[in-house]
Amino acid sequence: MRPAWWRPPRSDRLSRERDGKRMLTTTTQRSIDVSGIPVGYHVAGEGPGPELVLIHGGTGHPETSFATLLEHFTQHRSAIVPGYSGSSLTPLPEGEVDVDMLVDQVAGVVEAAARGPVDLFGISTGAVVAAALAGKRPELVRRMVVLGGFVHYRRPWQRLLMRTWLRLAELDPDAFAEFTLLHVVSDTFIDSMSASERLRLRSGLMPSEGLIALLELINRLDISDYVRKIECPTLVLGMRQDQLVPVRYAREFRDAIPGSDYVELDCGHAAAMEKPDELIMTIEKFLA
């Protein structure tokens, strides 16, 4: 008899547009129980391993955050995209979300879907979860790339940003989405977009119960105890035009992870959107 949380695998498509054409990557959606919560994840591609696990950020979605990368990497390897609590794939718990919960959810997906130690790629909050996973469960991780991550959220600038963000969610959802858009991509990238492209991106940044829960988690985050335990080769990526996680926090992240390498990209926080080819080349070179 199957447990109540079980959902049958289904085919799905992660898509993006390029030069007016929609590019499609076929995935299979699955679910696994972790501490009573059904954790959803996508699996795509085939290859000899190790699998590439891609962990989305707090304002991202497992279905859309990695479409560009999946199109490339699934040509020669398997990829796993977990959706932790607060995402569209996995419900929130009864109480607060904490980083150990998210780490355990991703670890559960890795143990269920991978053949052995995996390569990790995490963005933003997903970078924090990836780093905490590598520190807490080093046997699960072969190599790791983290983009737009941070060790903690205690700086006055960070606190002020989060207070403003959460207040806008209460008072004006449209202003919240616009404020988020101004921070997740660079000013030059916004200026290069058409009105319809800006509207489409903005519509995906409206506040939701899951997003608010993750923002409240970020406000409490501190993974200092985990990062010093990281053993796997790690590449930290900072973005020079990042207005959500300024590049100095990426440099602090690098300094906190023993023996880590560091590369800066000249773009905003959403590097997969602004500099997809450069990002793919950088990841592939490090994971080779």
Protein backbone atom coordinates (compact mmCIF):
# COMPACT_ATOMS: atom_id res chain seq x y z
CA MET A 1 0.00 0.00 0.00
CA ARG A 2 1.33 3.42 -0.98
CA PRO A 3 1.58 6.14 1.71
CA ALA A 4 -0.88 9.04 1.58
CA TRP A 5 1.77 11.49 0.41
CA TRP A 6 2.78 9.40 -2.65
CA ARG A 7 2.16 10.93 -6.06
CA PRO A 8 2.76 9.04 -9.30
CA PRO A 9 5.64 10.23 -11.49
CA ARG A 10 4.48 12.46 -14.29
CA SER A 11 6.10 14.03 -17.29
CA ASP A 12 6.49 17.78 -17.15
CA ARG A 13 8.31 20.40 -19.15
CA LEU A 14 10.65 23.12 -17.99
CA SER A 15 10.74 25.78 -20.68
CA ARG A 16 12.28 29.05 -21.70
CA GLU A 17 12.15 31.32 -24.71
CA ARG A 18 15.12 32.15 -26.94
CA ASP A 19 14.86 34.28 -30.07
CA GLY A 20 11.10 33.85 -29.99
CA LYS A 21 11.33 30.05 -29.82
CA ARG A 22 10.32 27.98 -26.83
CA MET A 23 12.97 25.50 -25.75
CA LEU A 24 11.69 22.45 -23.85
CA THR A 25 13.30 20.08 -21.39
CA THR A 26 11.21 17.04 -20.45
CA THR A 27 11.30 16.09 -16.77
CA THR A 28 9.68 13.55 -14.48
CA GLN A 29 8.12 14.86 -11.28
CA ARG A 30 8.36 12.70 -8.17
CA SER A 31 7.80 13.03 -4.45
CA ILE A 32 9.32 11.56 -1.30
CA ASP A 33 8.28 11.82 2.33
CA VAL A 34 10.75 13.59 4.61
CA SER A 35 9.63 13.88 8.24
CA GLY A 36 5.98 13.73 7.21
CA ILE A 37 6.23 16.34 4.43
CA PRO A 38 5.89 15.31 0.75
CA VAL A 39 8.96 16.83 -0.90
CA GLY A 40 8.56 17.21 -4.67
CA TYR A 41 11.38 17.13 -7.16
CA HIS A 42 12.06 16.92 -10.90
CA VAL A 43 14.43 14.49 -12.61
CA ALA A 44 15.72 15.10 -16.13
CA GLY A 45 18.31 13.69 -18.51
CA GLU A 46 20.43 10.57 -18.49
CA GLY A 47 24.11 10.05 -17.94
CA PRO A 48 26.68 7.96 -16.10
CA GLY A 49 26.77 10.31 -13.10
CA PRO A 50 27.40 12.00 -10.82
CA GLU A 51 24.00 13.63 -10.88
CA LEU A 52 23.75 17.42 -10.82
CA VAL A 53 21.40 18.71 -8.12
CA LEU A 54 20.13 22.27 -8.66
CA ILE A 55 18.68 24.11 -5.65
CA HIS A 56 16.51 27.17 -6.31
CA GLY A 57 16.40 30.42 -4.35
CA GLY A 58 13.68 31.86 -2.14
CA THR A 59 12.15 34.00 -4.89
CA GLY A 60 12.61 31.32 -7.55
CA HIS A 61 10.67 28.23 -8.53
CA PRO A 62 11.97 24.73 -9.25
CA GLU A 63 10.04 24.72 -12.54
CA THR A 64 11.55 27.92 -13.94
CA SER A 65 14.84 28.71 -12.21
CA PHE A 66 17.01 26.27 -14.17
CA ALA A 67 15.40 25.76 -17.58
CA THR A 68 18.39 27.27 -19.40
CA LEU A 69 20.89 25.18 -17.46
CA LEU A 70 18.89 21.97 -17.75
CA GLU A 71 18.73 22.27 -21.51
CA HIS A 72 22.54 22.16 -21.56
CA PHE A 73 23.48 19.82 -18.72
CA THR A 74 20.89 17.12 -19.41
CA GLN A 75 22.51 16.48 -22.78
CA HIS A 76 25.19 14.45 -21.01
CA ARG A 77 24.18 13.90 -17.38
CA SER A 78 21.19 13.43 -15.09
CA ALA A 79 19.85 16.41 -13.16
CA ILE A 80 17.67 16.58 -10.06
CA VAL A 81 15.73 19.71 -9.10
CA PRO A 82 14.25 19.51 -5.58
CA GLY A 83 11.60 21.92 -4.39
CA TYR A 84 11.91 22.53 -0.65
CA SER A 85 9.14 23.76 1.67
CA GLY A 86 7.76 27.08 0.49
CA SER A 87 8.19 26.21 -3.19
CA SER A 88 5.44 25.18 -5.59
CA LEU A 89 6.36 21.50 -5.16
CA THR A 90 6.46 21.14 -1.37
CA PRO A 91 4.06 22.40 1.32
CA LEU A 92 5.05 24.43 4.34
CA PRO A 93 5.30 22.73 7.74
CA GLU A 94 2.97 23.46 10.63
CA GLY A 95 5.47 25.81 12.28
CA GLU A 96 8.42 27.88 11.09
CA VAL A 97 10.71 26.86 8.28
CA ASP A 98 14.33 26.37 9.37
CA VAL A 99 17.48 25.66 7.41
CA ASP A 100 17.95 22.17 8.87
CA MET A 101 14.50 21.24 7.60
CA LEU A 102 15.39 22.37 4.07
CA VAL A 103 18.76 20.61 4.23
CA ASP A 104 17.09 17.38 5.33
CA GLN A 105 14.54 17.67 2.52
CA VAL A 106 17.23 18.07 -0.14
CA ALA A 107 19.27 15.27 1.46
CA GLY A 108 16.21 13.02 1.32
CA VAL A 109 15.80 13.73 -2.39
CA VAL A 110 19.49 13.03 -3.05
CA GLU A 111 19.33 9.73 -1.18
CA ALA A 112 16.18 8.71 -3.08
CA ALA A 113 17.13 9.83 -6.59
CA ALA A 114 20.95 9.73 -6.90
CA ARG A 115 23.32 6.79 -7.28
CA GLY A 116 26.04 8.28 -5.09
CA PRO A 117 27.64 11.62 -4.16
CA VAL A 118 26.27 14.44 -6.33
CA ASP A 119 27.43 17.76 -7.70
CA LEU A 120 25.48 20.66 -6.16
CA PHE A 121 24.55 24.00 -7.69
CA GLY A 122 22.62 26.40 -5.46
CA ILE A 123 21.49 29.96 -6.08
CA SER A 124 20.75 32.59 -3.41
CA THR A 125 18.90 30.87 -0.55
CA GLY A 126 19.54 27.65 -2.44
CA ALA A 127 23.27 28.38 -2.17
CA VAL A 128 22.87 28.64 1.60
CA VAL A 129 20.97 25.34 1.70
CA ALA A 130 23.62 23.70 -0.53
CA ALA A 131 26.47 24.90 1.69
CA ALA A 132 24.69 23.76 4.85
CA LEU A 133 24.04 20.37 3.23
CA ALA A 134 27.71 20.00 2.26
CA GLY A 135 28.71 20.80 5.84
CA LYS A 136 26.08 18.62 7.50
CA ARG A 137 26.14 15.65 5.10
CA PRO A 138 29.56 15.71 3.40
CA GLU A 139 29.20 12.12 2.19
CA LEU A 140 26.43 13.22 -0.19
CA VAL A 141 28.40 15.89 -2.07
CA ARG A 142 31.25 15.48 -4.60
CA ARG A 143 31.69 19.10 -5.77
CA MET A 144 29.66 22.28 -5.25
CA VAL A 145 29.00 25.61 -6.96
CA VAL A 146 27.17 28.31 -4.98
CA LEU A 147 25.93 31.56 -6.52
CA GLY A 148 24.70 34.67 -4.70
CA GLY A 149 24.96 33.03 -1.29
CA PHE A 150 25.77 34.35 2.17
CA VAL A 151 26.81 33.02 5.56
CA HIS A 152 24.29 34.93 7.68
CA TYR A 153 21.80 37.78 7.52
CA ARG A 154 22.86 39.92 10.50
CA ARG A 155 24.26 43.04 8.78
CA PRO A 156 22.29 46.30 9.18
CA TRP A 157 21.90 46.64 5.39
CA GLN A 158 20.52 43.10 5.17
CA ARG A 159 18.09 43.70 8.04
CA LEU A 160 16.83 46.95 6.52
CA LEU A 161 16.31 45.31 3.13
CA MET A 162 14.35 42.46 4.68
CA ARG A 163 12.17 44.74 6.84
CA THR A 164 11.29 46.79 3.77
CA TRP A 165 10.61 43.68 1.69
CA LEU A 166 8.31 42.09 4.26
CA ARG A 167 6.51 45.38 4.93
CA LEU A 168 5.77 45.80 1.23
CA ALA A 169 4.31 42.29 1.16
CA GLU A 170 1.81 43.40 3.81
CA LEU A 171 0.96 46.79 2.33
CA ASP A 172 1.23 46.54 -1.45
CA PRO A 173 1.83 43.24 -3.33
CA ASP A 174 2.46 45.08 -6.61
CA ALA A 175 5.11 47.28 -4.99
CA PHE A 176 6.61 44.12 -3.44
CA ALA A 177 6.97 42.53 -6.90
CA GLU A 178 8.50 45.69 -8.37
CA PHE A 179 10.90 46.05 -5.44
CA THR A 180 11.93 42.42 -5.91
CA LEU A 181 12.44 42.90 -9.64
CA LEU A 182 14.70 45.90 -8.98
CA HIS A 183 16.92 43.71 -6.81
CA VAL A 184 17.01 40.36 -8.61
CA VAL A 185 18.31 41.72 -11.93
CA SER A 186 20.70 44.55 -12.76
CA ASP A 187 19.57 48.00 -13.87
CA THR A 188 21.15 47.47 -17.29
CA PHE A 189 19.24 44.22 -17.76
CA ILE A 190 15.93 45.84 -16.80
CA ASP A 191 16.61 48.63 -19.30
CA SER A 192 17.22 46.04 -22.03
CA MET A 193 13.89 44.27 -21.48
CA SER A 194 10.66 45.00 -23.31
CA ALA A 195 7.60 46.09 -21.36
CA SER A 196 5.99 42.67 -21.84
CA GLU A 197 9.15 40.90 -20.61
CA ARG A 198 9.25 43.07 -17.49
CA LEU A 199 5.57 42.42 -16.84
CA ARG A 200 6.01 38.66 -17.25
CA LEU A 201 8.98 38.59 -14.88
CA ARG A 202 7.23 40.84 -12.37
CA SER A 203 4.13 38.62 -12.34
CA GLY A 204 6.23 35.71 -11.08
CA LEU A 205 7.49 37.75 -8.11
CA MET A 206 4.21 38.45 -6.33
CA PRO A 207 4.22 37.58 -2.61
CA SER A 208 2.91 34.18 -1.59
CA GLU A 209 2.67 32.33 1.71
CA GLY A 210 5.67 30.21 0.77
CA LEU A 211 7.79 33.15 -0.33
CA ILE A 212 7.03 35.09 2.86
CA ALA A 213 7.96 32.06 4.98
CA LEU A 214 11.29 31.80 3.16
CA LEU A 215 12.01 35.52 3.53
CA GLU A 216 11.35 35.22 7.26
CA LEU A 217 13.76 32.28 7.33
CA ILE A 218 16.44 34.32 5.55
CA ASN A 219 16.10 36.95 8.27
CA ARG A 220 17.15 34.30 10.83
CA LEU A 221 19.77 32.47 8.77
CA ASP A 222 23.26 31.79 10.05
CA ILE A 223 25.16 28.78 8.70
CA SER A 224 28.55 29.67 10.18
CA ASP A 225 28.78 26.31 11.97
CA TYR A 226 28.15 24.39 8.75
CA VAL A 227 30.40 26.21 6.28
CA ARG A 228 33.55 25.58 8.29
CA LYS A 229 32.85 21.83 8.00
CA ILE A 230 32.64 21.80 4.19
CA GLU A 231 35.10 19.29 2.72
CA CYS A 232 34.16 19.15 -0.97
CA PRO A 233 35.81 21.32 -3.65
CA THR A 234 33.67 24.47 -3.82
CA LEU A 235 33.33 27.34 -6.27
CA VAL A 236 31.73 30.53 -4.97
CA LEU A 237 30.23 32.88 -7.57
CA GLY A 238 29.66 36.56 -6.90
CA MET A 239 27.91 39.07 -9.17
CA ARG A 240 29.38 42.56 -9.47
CA GLN A 241 25.99 44.20 -10.10
CA ASP A 242 24.08 42.16 -7.51
CA GLN A 243 21.65 44.42 -5.64
CA LEU A 244 20.07 41.62 -3.60
CA VAL A 245 23.21 39.95 -2.23
CA PRO A 246 25.95 42.56 -2.81
CA VAL A 247 29.22 41.08 -3.98
CA ARG A 248 30.99 41.69 -0.66
CA TYR A 249 28.73 39.05 0.92
CA ALA A 250 29.79 36.57 -1.77
CA ARG A 251 33.42 37.31 -0.91
CA GLU A 252 32.66 36.70 2.77
CA PHE A 253 31.04 33.41 1.75
CA ARG A 254 34.24 32.45 -0.09
CA ASP A 255 36.39 33.35 2.91
CA ALA A 256 34.20 31.22 5.19
CA ILE A 257 34.43 28.02 3.09
CA PRO A 258 37.80 26.28 3.50
CA GLY A 259 39.84 26.16 0.29
CA SER A 260 37.06 27.47 -1.93
CA ASP A 261 37.61 29.02 -5.36
CA TYR A 262 35.99 32.28 -6.42
CA VAL A 263 34.76 33.80 -9.69
CA GLU A 264 32.86 37.05 -10.29
CA LEU A 265 30.35 37.56 -13.09
CA ASP A 266 29.47 41.03 -14.36
CA CYS A 267 25.70 40.88 -13.88
CA GLY A 268 22.92 41.07 -11.32
CA HIS A 269 21.65 38.43 -8.90
CA ALA A 270 19.80 36.39 -11.55
CA ALA A 271 22.94 35.30 -13.39
CA ALA A 272 21.16 32.39 -15.08
CA MET A 273 18.93 34.95 -16.77
CA GLU A 274 21.49 37.66 -17.52
CA LYS A 275 24.62 35.62 -18.33
CA PRO A 276 23.46 32.05 -19.04
CA ASP A 277 26.28 31.05 -21.40
CA GLU A 278 29.04 32.40 -19.15
CA LEU A 279 27.44 30.76 -16.12
CA ILE A 280 27.14 27.38 -17.85
CA MET A 281 30.77 27.52 -19.01
CA THR A 282 31.96 28.42 -15.49
CA ILE A 283 29.97 25.63 -13.84
CA GLU A 284 31.00 23.04 -16.41
CA LYS A 285 34.69 23.90 -16.13
CA PHE A 286 34.65 23.52 -12.35
CA LEU A 287 32.61 20.31 -12.25
CA ALA A 288 34.64 18.57 -14.97
